Amino acid sequence: MLETGSQAQFPGWHAKGPKIGSFKVLPAVIALSLLAAAPEAKATIITLTDDGCTDTCGTGPFGQIELIQTTALLVTVTLTLSPNVRFAGTGAGEALEFNVLGPAITIADITANFVIGPAPASASTFGSFLQSVTCDTCKGGNAGNPSGPLSFTVTRASGVTIADFGTNAKGYMFASDIVGANGNTGNVGAPGTPGSQVPEPVSLSLMGGGLLMLALRRAHLRSSRTALK
């Protein structure tokens, strides 16, 4: 039977309102388009595995550094020490030493009890690093020294990406002056290149959005077939 009027022009349209196969799909499509346009946040995990303490700081790993590409211009750095490990204030190193290659950077949004450290900075056996953040309340290996986590942001006018974090002359990306779980102090280091990237919430949302689009598409096809019968 030939349908006339608006129903003929829009098979998914009925007197009681649009079905999912027609106009109700549009808001979802628009929302997913906006979501897809958002920058994809990525994270890289680097582990402090090497023990440079004079009498050993115990069994590693001693902590992990997470680099998150928060925006196109800015990276958020978070150092989380392993259980029973805390920051030291012995003068042998800094809370975190690192290398951001290229033009000068701006370090901001630093966790309380920490400040911008020397640049360059030395971490004994792990060599010299371009930048650092230091614990300004740490005293030697005191039990009251903070254990973190330590977090801050790194940026500059031209932008900073995770790829700008590099190794020093000895092949280390990061070093940290710590009090080990055994009470000994010294520097521990993270060698090599950044680890594997893991998806952040935006990436996971995009994945879920893709599945939603597939479901909507199937519903649309079923509705179209029903309207043509």
N, C-alpha and C. Protein backbone atom coordinates (compact mmCIF):
# COMPACT_ATOMS: atom_id res chain seq x y z
N MET A 1 0.85 -1.19 0.00
CA MET A 1 0.00 0.00 0.00
C MET A 1 0.89 1.24 0.00
N LEU A 2 0.54 2.18 -0.83
CA LEU A 2 1.30 3.42 -0.93
C LEU A 2 0.91 4.37 0.19
N GLU A 3 1.89 4.83 0.98
CA GLU A 3 1.64 5.77 2.05
C GLU A 3 1.72 7.19 1.50
N THR A 4 0.94 8.08 2.07
CA THR A 4 0.92 9.45 1.59
C THR A 4 1.31 10.40 2.70
N GLY A 5 1.57 11.65 2.34
CA GLY A 5 1.88 12.69 3.32
C GLY A 5 3.25 12.49 3.95
N SER A 6 3.37 12.92 5.23
CA SER A 6 4.67 12.89 5.90
C SER A 6 5.17 11.48 6.09
N GLN A 7 4.23 10.49 6.24
CA GLN A 7 4.68 9.13 6.45
C GLN A 7 5.36 8.58 5.23
N ALA A 8 4.95 9.03 4.04
CA ALA A 8 5.58 8.56 2.80
C ALA A 8 6.98 9.12 2.69
N GLN A 9 7.18 10.35 3.15
CA GLN A 9 8.50 10.96 3.04
C GLN A 9 9.45 10.46 4.11
N PHE A 10 8.91 10.11 5.26
CA PHE A 10 9.74 9.66 6.39
C PHE A 10 9.19 8.35 6.93
N PRO A 11 9.69 7.20 6.41
CA PRO A 11 9.13 5.90 6.80
C PRO A 11 9.19 5.66 8.30
N GLY A 12 10.16 6.22 9.00
CA GLY A 12 10.28 5.98 10.43
C GLY A 12 9.38 6.85 11.27
N TRP A 13 8.60 7.73 10.63
CA TRP A 13 7.76 8.68 11.37
C TRP A 13 6.35 8.11 11.52
N HIS A 14 5.83 8.17 12.76
CA HIS A 14 4.48 7.72 13.02
C HIS A 14 3.74 8.80 13.78
N ALA A 15 2.44 8.66 13.85
CA ALA A 15 1.62 9.70 14.48
C ALA A 15 2.01 9.93 15.93
N LYS A 16 2.46 8.89 16.62
CA LYS A 16 2.80 9.01 18.02
C LYS A 16 4.22 9.54 18.23
N GLY A 17 4.92 9.83 17.15
CA GLY A 17 6.27 10.39 17.30
C GLY A 17 7.30 9.53 16.59
N PRO A 18 8.52 10.04 16.48
CA PRO A 18 9.58 9.35 15.76
C PRO A 18 10.07 8.13 16.52
N LYS A 19 10.40 7.08 15.77
CA LYS A 19 11.00 5.89 16.35
C LYS A 19 12.52 6.05 16.34
N ILE A 20 13.19 5.11 16.97
CA ILE A 20 14.65 5.21 17.07
C ILE A 20 15.31 5.20 15.71
N GLY A 21 14.62 4.64 14.71
CA GLY A 21 15.21 4.57 13.39
C GLY A 21 15.24 5.89 12.68
N SER A 22 14.62 6.94 13.24
CA SER A 22 14.60 8.21 12.54
C SER A 22 15.24 9.30 13.35
N PHE A 23 14.44 10.27 13.83
CA PHE A 23 14.99 11.49 14.39
C PHE A 23 15.60 11.30 15.77
N LYS A 24 15.19 10.26 16.54
CA LYS A 24 15.75 10.07 17.86
C LYS A 24 17.23 9.68 17.80
N VAL A 25 17.67 9.25 16.63
CA VAL A 25 19.08 8.90 16.46
C VAL A 25 19.95 10.15 16.44
N LEU A 26 19.39 11.26 15.96
CA LEU A 26 20.19 12.46 15.74
C LEU A 26 20.88 12.98 16.99
N PRO A 27 20.20 13.11 18.15
CA PRO A 27 20.91 13.60 19.33
C PRO A 27 22.10 12.74 19.71
N ALA A 28 21.93 11.42 19.57
CA ALA A 28 23.04 10.52 19.90
C ALA A 28 24.20 10.71 18.94
N VAL A 29 23.88 10.88 17.66
CA VAL A 29 24.93 11.08 16.66
C VAL A 29 25.69 12.37 16.94
N ILE A 30 24.94 13.44 17.27
CA ILE A 30 25.58 14.72 17.57
C ILE A 30 26.47 14.61 18.79
N ALA A 31 25.97 13.94 19.84
CA ALA A 31 26.75 13.80 21.08
C ALA A 31 28.02 13.02 20.83
N LEU A 32 27.93 11.95 20.05
CA LEU A 32 29.11 11.15 19.77
C LEU A 32 30.10 11.91 18.89
N SER A 33 29.59 12.75 18.01
CA SER A 33 30.49 13.56 17.17
C SER A 33 31.28 14.53 18.04
N LEU A 34 30.62 15.15 19.02
CA LEU A 34 31.32 16.06 19.93
C LEU A 34 32.33 15.31 20.76
N LEU A 35 31.99 14.09 21.19
CA LEU A 35 32.91 13.29 21.99
C LEU A 35 34.14 12.91 21.18
N ALA A 36 33.93 12.57 19.92
CA ALA A 36 35.04 12.19 19.07
C ALA A 36 35.98 13.35 18.81
N ALA A 37 35.44 14.57 18.87
CA ALA A 37 36.28 15.75 18.62
C ALA A 37 37.14 16.09 19.82
N ALA A 38 36.87 15.53 21.01
CA ALA A 38 37.66 15.82 22.20
C ALA A 38 39.03 15.19 22.09
N PRO A 39 40.08 15.82 22.64
CA PRO A 39 41.42 15.26 22.57
C PRO A 39 41.50 13.95 23.33
N GLU A 40 42.21 12.98 22.78
CA GLU A 40 42.35 11.67 23.40
C GLU A 40 43.49 11.71 24.41
N ALA A 41 43.17 11.55 25.70
CA ALA A 41 44.19 11.56 26.73
C ALA A 41 44.91 10.22 26.74
N LYS A 42 46.23 10.26 26.85
CA LYS A 42 47.02 9.04 26.90
C LYS A 42 47.95 9.10 28.10
N ALA A 43 48.26 7.93 28.61
CA ALA A 43 49.15 7.86 29.77
C ALA A 43 50.28 6.89 29.49
N THR A 44 51.44 7.20 30.05
CA THR A 44 52.60 6.33 29.97
C THR A 44 53.10 6.09 31.39
N ILE A 45 53.43 4.84 31.68
CA ILE A 45 53.91 4.45 33.01
C ILE A 45 55.39 4.10 32.93
N ILE A 46 56.20 4.71 33.81
CA ILE A 46 57.62 4.40 33.91
C ILE A 46 57.90 3.97 35.34
N THR A 47 58.68 2.91 35.52
CA THR A 47 58.88 2.32 36.84
C THR A 47 60.30 2.57 37.36
N LEU A 48 60.39 2.96 38.64
CA LEU A 48 61.68 3.12 39.31
C LEU A 48 62.15 1.74 39.75
N THR A 49 63.08 1.19 39.01
CA THR A 49 63.52 -0.19 39.25
C THR A 49 64.95 -0.31 39.76
N ASP A 50 65.82 0.67 39.44
CA ASP A 50 67.25 0.53 39.73
C ASP A 50 67.60 1.14 41.09
N ASP A 51 68.33 0.38 41.88
CA ASP A 51 68.71 0.76 43.24
C ASP A 51 70.11 1.36 43.23
N GLY A 52 70.20 2.66 43.58
CA GLY A 52 71.50 3.32 43.66
C GLY A 52 71.90 3.67 45.08
N CYS A 53 71.17 3.12 46.06
CA CYS A 53 71.47 3.40 47.47
C CYS A 53 72.78 2.71 47.87
N THR A 54 73.52 3.36 48.78
CA THR A 54 74.82 2.83 49.19
C THR A 54 74.70 1.44 49.78
N ASP A 55 73.74 1.22 50.66
CA ASP A 55 73.56 -0.08 51.31
C ASP A 55 72.25 -0.74 50.89
N THR A 56 71.78 -0.41 49.71
CA THR A 56 70.53 -0.89 49.10
C THR A 56 69.30 -0.36 49.84
N CYS A 57 68.30 0.01 49.05
CA CYS A 57 67.03 0.50 49.61
C CYS A 57 65.97 -0.59 49.62
N GLY A 58 66.41 -1.82 49.45
CA GLY A 58 65.47 -2.94 49.50
C GLY A 58 65.16 -3.49 48.12
N THR A 59 64.05 -4.15 48.03
CA THR A 59 63.63 -4.80 46.79
C THR A 59 62.69 -3.90 46.01
N GLY A 60 63.02 -3.66 44.75
CA GLY A 60 62.16 -2.86 43.91
C GLY A 60 60.97 -3.64 43.38
N PRO A 61 60.09 -2.99 42.60
CA PRO A 61 60.17 -1.58 42.21
C PRO A 61 59.89 -0.64 43.38
N PHE A 62 60.43 0.58 43.25
CA PHE A 62 60.33 1.56 44.33
C PHE A 62 59.23 2.59 44.10
N GLY A 63 58.65 2.59 42.92
CA GLY A 63 57.58 3.52 42.61
C GLY A 63 57.34 3.58 41.12
N GLN A 64 56.30 4.32 40.74
CA GLN A 64 55.95 4.49 39.34
C GLN A 64 55.67 5.95 39.02
N ILE A 65 56.12 6.37 37.85
CA ILE A 65 55.81 7.71 37.34
C ILE A 65 54.79 7.56 36.22
N GLU A 66 53.68 8.29 36.35
CA GLU A 66 52.66 8.30 35.31
C GLU A 66 52.69 9.63 34.59
N LEU A 67 52.83 9.58 33.27
CA LEU A 67 52.77 10.78 32.44
C LEU A 67 51.45 10.78 31.69
N ILE A 68 50.65 11.82 31.90
CA ILE A 68 49.36 11.93 31.22
C ILE A 68 49.37 13.15 30.31
N GLN A 69 49.04 12.94 29.04
CA GLN A 69 48.90 14.05 28.10
C GLN A 69 47.55 14.70 28.36
N THR A 70 47.53 15.62 29.33
CA THR A 70 46.27 16.20 29.79
C THR A 70 45.64 17.08 28.72
N THR A 71 46.44 17.90 28.05
CA THR A 71 46.00 18.69 26.90
C THR A 71 47.08 18.59 25.84
N ALA A 72 46.85 19.23 24.70
CA ALA A 72 47.84 19.20 23.63
C ALA A 72 49.13 19.90 24.04
N LEU A 73 49.06 20.79 25.03
CA LEU A 73 50.22 21.57 25.43
C LEU A 73 50.80 21.17 26.78
N LEU A 74 50.13 20.29 27.50
CA LEU A 74 50.49 20.08 28.91
C LEU A 74 50.50 18.60 29.28
N VAL A 75 51.52 18.22 30.06
CA VAL A 75 51.63 16.86 30.59
C VAL A 75 51.56 16.92 32.11
N THR A 76 50.77 16.03 32.70
CA THR A 76 50.70 15.90 34.15
C THR A 76 51.58 14.73 34.58
N VAL A 77 52.47 15.01 35.54
CA VAL A 77 53.41 14.01 36.05
C VAL A 77 52.99 13.63 37.47
N THR A 78 52.88 12.33 37.73
CA THR A 78 52.54 11.85 39.07
C THR A 78 53.48 10.72 39.45
N LEU A 79 54.19 10.91 40.57
CA LEU A 79 55.06 9.86 41.11
C LEU A 79 54.38 9.26 42.34
N THR A 80 54.13 7.96 42.26
CA THR A 80 53.56 7.22 43.38
C THR A 80 54.60 6.22 43.88
N LEU A 81 55.07 6.41 45.09
CA LEU A 81 56.07 5.50 45.66
C LEU A 81 55.41 4.20 46.11
N SER A 82 56.22 3.15 46.18
CA SER A 82 55.72 1.86 46.64
C SER A 82 55.40 1.92 48.13
N PRO A 83 54.61 0.98 48.64
CA PRO A 83 54.26 0.97 50.07
C PRO A 83 55.50 1.00 50.97
N ASN A 84 55.43 1.77 52.04
CA ASN A 84 56.49 1.90 53.05
C ASN A 84 57.74 2.61 52.54
N VAL A 85 57.64 3.23 51.37
CA VAL A 85 58.74 4.05 50.82
C VAL A 85 58.30 5.51 50.94
N ARG A 86 59.24 6.39 51.28
CA ARG A 86 58.93 7.82 51.39
C ARG A 86 60.08 8.63 50.81
N PHE A 87 59.86 9.92 50.66
CA PHE A 87 60.88 10.79 50.09
C PHE A 87 61.94 11.11 51.15
N ALA A 88 63.17 11.31 50.67
CA ALA A 88 64.29 11.63 51.55
C ALA A 88 64.73 13.07 51.34
N GLY A 89 65.47 13.57 52.31
CA GLY A 89 66.03 14.92 52.21
C GLY A 89 67.49 14.92 52.59
N THR A 90 68.26 14.03 52.00
CA THR A 90 69.67 13.85 52.36
C THR A 90 70.62 14.75 51.58
N GLY A 91 70.13 15.34 50.48
CA GLY A 91 71.00 16.13 49.63
C GLY A 91 71.66 15.32 48.54
N ALA A 92 71.42 14.00 48.53
CA ALA A 92 72.01 13.14 47.51
C ALA A 92 71.29 13.27 46.17
N GLY A 93 70.08 13.79 46.20
CA GLY A 93 69.29 13.94 44.99
C GLY A 93 68.05 14.75 45.31
N GLU A 94 67.07 14.70 44.40
CA GLU A 94 65.82 15.44 44.58
C GLU A 94 64.65 14.46 44.61
N ALA A 95 63.47 14.97 44.95
CA ALA A 95 62.29 14.11 45.00
C ALA A 95 62.03 13.46 43.65
N LEU A 96 62.22 14.23 42.59
CA LEU A 96 62.11 13.67 41.24
C LEU A 96 62.96 14.49 40.29
N GLU A 97 63.84 13.82 39.59
CA GLU A 97 64.66 14.45 38.56
C GLU A 97 64.29 13.85 37.21
N PHE A 98 64.26 14.70 36.19
CA PHE A 98 63.76 14.26 34.89
C PHE A 98 64.34 15.10 33.77
N ASN A 99 64.04 14.72 32.55
CA ASN A 99 64.54 15.43 31.37
C ASN A 99 63.40 15.72 30.40
N VAL A 100 63.05 17.00 30.27
CA VAL A 100 62.14 17.43 29.21
C VAL A 100 63.00 18.16 28.19
N LEU A 101 63.13 17.57 27.03
CA LEU A 101 64.01 18.11 26.00
C LEU A 101 63.37 19.31 25.31
N GLY A 102 64.21 20.18 24.73
CA GLY A 102 63.70 21.32 23.99
C GLY A 102 63.75 22.61 24.78
N PRO A 103 62.96 23.61 24.38
CA PRO A 103 62.95 24.92 25.05
C PRO A 103 62.58 24.83 26.53
N ALA A 104 62.77 25.94 27.24
CA ALA A 104 62.48 25.99 28.67
C ALA A 104 61.03 25.64 28.95
N ILE A 105 60.80 25.02 30.10
CA ILE A 105 59.46 24.58 30.49
C ILE A 105 58.97 25.35 31.72
N THR A 106 57.67 25.24 31.96
CA THR A 106 57.05 25.79 33.16
C THR A 106 56.52 24.63 33.98
N ILE A 107 56.94 24.54 35.25
CA ILE A 107 56.46 23.52 36.18
C ILE A 107 55.48 24.20 37.13
N ALA A 108 54.29 23.64 37.26
CA ALA A 108 53.24 24.27 38.08
C ALA A 108 52.38 23.21 38.75
N ASP A 109 51.43 23.67 39.56
CA ASP A 109 50.46 22.80 40.24
C ASP A 109 51.15 21.70 41.03
N ILE A 110 52.19 22.07 41.76
CA ILE A 110 52.99 21.08 42.50
C ILE A 110 52.30 20.72 43.82
N THR A 111 52.34 19.46 44.16
CA THR A 111 51.79 18.98 45.43
C THR A 111 52.43 19.73 46.61
N ALA A 112 51.64 19.96 47.65
CA ALA A 112 52.15 20.60 48.86
C ALA A 112 53.35 19.84 49.41
N ASN A 113 54.30 20.56 50.00
CA ASN A 113 55.55 20.05 50.56
C ASN A 113 56.64 19.87 49.51
N PHE A 114 56.33 20.23 48.25
CA PHE A 114 57.31 20.10 47.18
C PHE A 114 57.41 21.42 46.42
N VAL A 115 58.61 21.71 45.89
CA VAL A 115 58.84 22.93 45.12
C VAL A 115 59.74 22.60 43.93
N ILE A 116 59.83 23.56 43.01
CA ILE A 116 60.74 23.39 41.88
C ILE A 116 62.17 23.29 42.41
N GLY A 117 62.91 22.31 41.91
CA GLY A 117 64.27 22.07 42.37
C GLY A 117 65.31 22.61 41.41
N PRO A 118 66.57 22.27 41.66
CA PRO A 118 67.67 22.75 40.81
C PRO A 118 67.52 22.27 39.37
N ALA A 119 68.07 23.07 38.46
CA ALA A 119 68.07 22.71 37.04
C ALA A 119 69.38 23.21 36.41
N PRO A 120 70.30 22.33 36.10
CA PRO A 120 70.21 20.86 36.20
C PRO A 120 70.38 20.38 37.63
N ALA A 121 70.15 19.08 37.81
CA ALA A 121 70.28 18.45 39.13
C ALA A 121 71.00 17.13 38.99
N SER A 122 71.74 16.74 40.03
CA SER A 122 72.51 15.50 40.00
C SER A 122 71.89 14.45 40.92
N ALA A 123 71.90 13.21 40.46
CA ALA A 123 71.36 12.09 41.24
C ALA A 123 72.43 11.01 41.40
N SER A 124 73.59 11.41 41.87
CA SER A 124 74.71 10.50 42.13
C SER A 124 74.94 9.52 40.98
N THR A 125 74.80 8.24 41.24
CA THR A 125 75.15 7.22 40.25
C THR A 125 74.33 7.28 38.97
N PHE A 126 73.15 7.94 39.02
CA PHE A 126 72.28 8.00 37.84
C PHE A 126 72.56 9.21 36.96
N GLY A 127 73.52 10.04 37.34
CA GLY A 127 73.94 11.15 36.50
C GLY A 127 73.14 12.42 36.70
N SER A 128 73.27 13.32 35.73
CA SER A 128 72.66 14.65 35.80
C SER A 128 71.37 14.69 34.98
N PHE A 129 70.40 15.47 35.47
CA PHE A 129 69.11 15.63 34.79
C PHE A 129 68.84 17.11 34.55
N LEU A 130 68.01 17.41 33.56
CA LEU A 130 67.76 18.79 33.16
C LEU A 130 66.89 19.54 34.16
N GLN A 131 65.88 18.86 34.74
CA GLN A 131 64.95 19.53 35.64
C GLN A 131 64.72 18.67 36.89
N SER A 132 64.13 19.30 37.92
CA SER A 132 63.83 18.54 39.14
C SER A 132 62.74 19.22 39.96
N VAL A 133 62.12 18.42 40.81
CA VAL A 133 61.21 18.90 41.85
C VAL A 133 61.75 18.35 43.16
N THR A 134 61.82 19.18 44.20
CA THR A 134 62.42 18.77 45.45
C THR A 134 61.43 18.83 46.60
N CYS A 135 61.68 18.06 47.63
CA CYS A 135 60.85 18.06 48.84
C CYS A 135 61.43 19.10 49.80
N ASP A 136 60.66 20.16 50.05
CA ASP A 136 61.21 21.24 50.89
C ASP A 136 60.92 21.03 52.38
N THR A 137 60.23 19.95 52.75
CA THR A 137 59.98 19.66 54.15
C THR A 137 60.70 18.39 54.62
N CYS A 138 61.36 17.69 53.70
CA CYS A 138 62.04 16.45 54.05
C CYS A 138 63.33 16.73 54.83
N LYS A 139 63.57 15.96 55.86
CA LYS A 139 64.78 16.06 56.65
C LYS A 139 65.44 14.69 56.72
N GLY A 140 66.55 14.54 56.03
CA GLY A 140 67.26 13.26 56.03
C GLY A 140 66.33 12.12 55.70
N GLY A 141 66.39 11.07 56.53
CA GLY A 141 65.52 9.92 56.33
C GLY A 141 64.41 9.85 57.37
N ASN A 142 64.00 11.01 57.89
CA ASN A 142 63.01 11.06 58.97
C ASN A 142 61.71 10.32 58.64
N ALA A 143 61.15 9.72 59.68
CA ALA A 143 59.90 8.99 59.50
C ALA A 143 58.75 9.90 59.11
N GLY A 144 58.87 11.21 59.42
CA GLY A 144 57.80 12.15 59.10
C GLY A 144 57.85 12.70 57.69
N ASN A 145 58.84 12.32 56.91
CA ASN A 145 58.92 12.80 55.53
C ASN A 145 57.70 12.32 54.73
N PRO A 146 57.19 13.14 53.82
CA PRO A 146 56.00 12.73 53.05
C PRO A 146 56.30 11.54 52.13
N SER A 147 55.25 10.77 51.89
CA SER A 147 55.37 9.61 50.99
C SER A 147 54.65 9.86 49.66
N GLY A 148 54.05 11.04 49.54
CA GLY A 148 53.38 11.37 48.27
C GLY A 148 51.94 10.87 48.24
N PRO A 149 51.39 10.75 47.04
CA PRO A 149 52.07 10.93 45.75
C PRO A 149 52.45 12.39 45.45
N LEU A 150 53.45 12.54 44.61
CA LEU A 150 53.92 13.83 44.12
C LEU A 150 53.35 14.05 42.72
N SER A 151 52.71 15.20 42.51
CA SER A 151 52.12 15.50 41.21
C SER A 151 52.41 16.94 40.81
N PHE A 152 52.60 17.18 39.51
CA PHE A 152 52.80 18.52 38.98
C PHE A 152 52.56 18.50 37.48
N THR A 153 52.46 19.70 36.89
CA THR A 153 52.26 19.80 35.45
C THR A 153 53.48 20.43 34.79
N VAL A 154 53.67 20.08 33.53
CA VAL A 154 54.78 20.60 32.73
C VAL A 154 54.22 21.12 31.41
N THR A 155 54.57 22.36 31.07
CA THR A 155 54.10 22.92 29.82
C THR A 155 55.09 23.98 29.33
N ARG A 156 54.83 24.58 28.17
CA ARG A 156 55.56 25.72 27.60
C ARG A 156 54.73 26.26 26.45
N ALA A 157 55.13 27.41 25.94
CA ALA A 157 54.32 28.08 24.91
C ALA A 157 54.08 27.20 23.69
N SER A 158 55.10 26.46 23.29
CA SER A 158 54.97 25.60 22.10
C SER A 158 54.39 24.23 22.44
N GLY A 159 54.17 23.97 23.73
CA GLY A 159 53.58 22.71 24.15
C GLY A 159 54.60 21.67 24.58
N VAL A 160 54.19 20.80 25.46
CA VAL A 160 54.99 19.66 25.91
C VAL A 160 54.18 18.38 25.69
N THR A 161 54.80 17.37 25.11
CA THR A 161 54.16 16.07 24.94
C THR A 161 54.95 15.01 25.68
N ILE A 162 54.37 13.85 25.85
CA ILE A 162 55.06 12.75 26.52
C ILE A 162 56.35 12.41 25.80
N ALA A 163 56.35 12.55 24.47
CA ALA A 163 57.55 12.24 23.69
C ALA A 163 58.71 13.16 24.00
N ASP A 164 58.45 14.32 24.62
CA ASP A 164 59.53 15.26 24.96
C ASP A 164 60.32 14.81 26.19
N PHE A 165 59.80 13.84 26.93
CA PHE A 165 60.54 13.30 28.08
C PHE A 165 61.57 12.30 27.57
N GLY A 166 62.84 12.57 27.85
CA GLY A 166 63.90 11.72 27.33
C GLY A 166 64.84 11.22 28.40
N THR A 167 65.88 10.54 27.97
CA THR A 167 66.87 9.99 28.89
C THR A 167 68.07 10.92 28.99
N ASN A 168 68.83 10.78 30.09
CA ASN A 168 70.05 11.56 30.24
C ASN A 168 71.23 10.79 29.63
N ALA A 169 72.43 11.28 29.86
CA ALA A 169 73.62 10.67 29.25
C ALA A 169 73.84 9.23 29.71
N LYS A 170 73.30 8.87 30.87
CA LYS A 170 73.45 7.51 31.38
C LYS A 170 72.27 6.61 31.06
N GLY A 171 71.32 7.14 30.29
CA GLY A 171 70.19 6.33 29.86
C GLY A 171 69.02 6.28 30.83
N TYR A 172 68.94 7.25 31.75
CA TYR A 172 67.86 7.26 32.73
C TYR A 172 66.87 8.38 32.44
N MET A 173 65.58 8.06 32.59
CA MET A 173 64.52 9.04 32.40
C MET A 173 64.21 9.79 33.69
N PHE A 174 64.24 9.07 34.82
CA PHE A 174 63.88 9.66 36.11
C PHE A 174 64.79 9.12 37.20
N ALA A 175 64.91 9.90 38.28
CA ALA A 175 65.57 9.45 39.51
C ALA A 175 64.87 10.10 40.68
N SER A 176 64.90 9.42 41.83
CA SER A 176 64.24 9.94 43.02
C SER A 176 65.07 9.59 44.25
N ASP A 177 65.20 10.56 45.16
CA ASP A 177 65.91 10.37 46.43
C ASP A 177 64.89 9.88 47.46
N ILE A 178 65.03 8.65 47.94
CA ILE A 178 64.00 8.04 48.77
C ILE A 178 64.57 7.46 50.07
N VAL A 179 63.64 7.14 50.96
CA VAL A 179 63.91 6.28 52.11
C VAL A 179 63.24 4.95 51.80
N GLY A 180 64.04 3.90 51.65
CA GLY A 180 63.48 2.60 51.31
C GLY A 180 62.67 2.00 52.44
N ALA A 181 61.95 0.93 52.13
CA ALA A 181 61.16 0.26 53.14
C ALA A 181 62.02 -0.28 54.28
N ASN A 182 63.33 -0.47 54.01
CA ASN A 182 64.25 -0.97 55.03
C ASN A 182 64.89 0.16 55.84
N GLY A 183 64.54 1.42 55.54
CA GLY A 183 65.06 2.56 56.28
C GLY A 183 66.30 3.20 55.70
N ASN A 184 66.91 2.58 54.69
CA ASN A 184 68.09 3.15 54.05
C ASN A 184 67.69 4.23 53.05
N THR A 185 68.60 5.17 52.81
CA THR A 185 68.31 6.28 51.89
C THR A 185 69.23 6.23 50.67
N GLY A 186 68.78 6.90 49.62
CA GLY A 186 69.59 6.99 48.40
C GLY A 186 68.71 7.19 47.19
N ASN A 187 69.35 7.23 46.03
CA ASN A 187 68.61 7.45 44.78
C ASN A 187 68.22 6.14 44.12
N VAL A 188 67.05 6.15 43.53
CA VAL A 188 66.60 5.04 42.69
C VAL A 188 66.27 5.63 41.32
N GLY A 189 66.42 4.82 40.28
CA GLY A 189 66.27 5.34 38.93
C GLY A 189 65.34 4.53 38.04
N ALA A 190 64.86 5.20 36.99
CA ALA A 190 64.01 4.57 35.98
C ALA A 190 64.72 4.67 34.63
N PRO A 191 65.26 3.58 34.12
CA PRO A 191 66.01 3.62 32.86
C PRO A 191 65.12 3.50 31.64
N GLY A 192 65.72 3.78 30.49
CA GLY A 192 65.09 3.46 29.22
C GLY A 192 64.08 4.46 28.73
N THR A 193 63.21 3.95 27.87
CA THR A 193 62.21 4.78 27.19
C THR A 193 60.85 4.59 27.83
N PRO A 194 59.87 5.49 27.55
CA PRO A 194 58.55 5.35 28.15
C PRO A 194 57.93 4.00 27.87
N GLY A 195 57.13 3.51 28.84
CA GLY A 195 56.46 2.23 28.70
C GLY A 195 55.25 2.33 27.80
N SER A 196 54.45 1.28 27.80
CA SER A 196 53.29 1.22 26.92
C SER A 196 52.23 2.21 27.36
N GLN A 197 51.50 2.72 26.38
CA GLN A 197 50.44 3.67 26.66
C GLN A 197 49.18 2.92 27.06
N VAL A 198 48.43 3.50 27.99
CA VAL A 198 47.16 2.92 28.42
C VAL A 198 46.06 3.94 28.20
N PRO A 199 44.84 3.49 27.85
CA PRO A 199 43.77 4.46 27.56
C PRO A 199 43.29 5.18 28.80
N GLU A 200 43.01 6.47 28.65
CA GLU A 200 42.43 7.27 29.70
C GLU A 200 40.92 7.33 29.50
N PRO A 201 40.16 7.95 30.40
CA PRO A 201 38.70 7.94 30.31
C PRO A 201 38.14 8.37 28.97
N VAL A 202 38.75 9.37 28.31
CA VAL A 202 38.21 9.83 27.02
C VAL A 202 38.27 8.71 25.99
N SER A 203 39.39 7.97 25.96
CA SER A 203 39.53 6.87 25.03
C SER A 203 38.48 5.80 25.30
N LEU A 204 38.28 5.49 26.58
CA LEU A 204 37.28 4.49 26.93
C LEU A 204 35.89 4.95 26.54
N SER A 205 35.60 6.24 26.66
CA SER A 205 34.30 6.78 26.27
C SER A 205 34.09 6.64 24.77
N LEU A 206 35.14 6.90 24.01
CA LEU A 206 35.04 6.76 22.56
C LEU A 206 34.75 5.31 22.18
N MET A 207 35.38 4.38 22.89
CA MET A 207 35.13 2.97 22.61
C MET A 207 33.67 2.63 22.89
N GLY A 208 33.16 3.11 24.04
CA GLY A 208 31.76 2.87 24.36
C GLY A 208 30.83 3.54 23.37
N GLY A 209 31.23 4.74 22.90
CA GLY A 209 30.42 5.44 21.92
C GLY A 209 30.32 4.68 20.62
N GLY A 210 31.41 4.03 20.22
CA GLY A 210 31.40 3.24 18.99
C GLY A 210 30.42 2.08 19.10
N LEU A 211 30.40 1.41 20.26
CA LEU A 211 29.45 0.32 20.46
C LEU A 211 28.02 0.82 20.43
N LEU A 212 27.78 2.01 21.00
CA LEU A 212 26.44 2.59 20.98
C LEU A 212 26.01 2.89 19.56
N MET A 213 26.91 3.40 18.75
CA MET A 213 26.58 3.71 17.36
C MET A 213 26.20 2.44 16.60
N LEU A 214 26.91 1.34 16.86
CA LEU A 214 26.58 0.07 16.19
C LEU A 214 25.17 -0.37 16.57
N ALA A 215 24.82 -0.24 17.85
CA ALA A 215 23.49 -0.63 18.30
C ALA A 215 22.42 0.24 17.67
N LEU A 216 22.66 1.55 17.59
CA LEU A 216 21.70 2.46 16.97
C LEU A 216 21.53 2.16 15.48
N ARG A 217 22.64 1.82 14.83
CA ARG A 217 22.59 1.51 13.40
C ARG A 217 21.73 0.27 13.14
N ARG A 218 21.91 -0.75 13.97
CA ARG A 218 21.12 -1.96 13.81
C ARG A 218 19.64 -1.69 14.05
N ALA A 219 19.35 -0.88 15.08
CA ALA A 219 17.95 -0.52 15.35
C ALA A 219 17.34 0.24 14.18
N HIS A 220 18.16 1.11 13.57
CA HIS A 220 17.68 1.89 12.43
C HIS A 220 17.35 0.98 11.25
N LEU A 221 18.20 -0.03 11.00
CA LEU A 221 17.96 -0.93 9.88
C LEU A 221 16.69 -1.75 10.11
N ARG A 222 16.49 -2.22 11.36
CA ARG A 222 15.28 -2.98 11.66
C ARG A 222 14.04 -2.12 11.46
N SER A 223 14.11 -0.85 11.88
CA SER A 223 12.96 0.04 11.75
C SER A 223 12.65 0.33 10.29
N SER A 224 13.71 0.47 9.47
CA SER A 224 13.51 0.75 8.05
C SER A 224 12.83 -0.43 7.37
N ARG A 225 13.28 -1.66 7.73
CA ARG A 225 12.67 -2.84 7.11
C ARG A 225 11.20 -2.95 7.48
N THR A 226 10.88 -2.65 8.75
CA THR A 226 9.49 -2.71 9.20
C THR A 226 8.62 -1.71 8.48
N ALA A 227 9.14 -0.52 8.24
CA ALA A 227 8.37 0.54 7.56
C ALA A 227 8.09 0.20 6.11
N LEU A 228 8.98 -0.57 5.48
CA LEU A 228 8.81 -0.89 4.07
C LEU A 228 7.86 -2.05 3.83
N LYS A 229 7.53 -2.77 4.92
CA LYS A 229 6.63 -3.91 4.75
C LYS A 229 5.19 -3.46 4.54
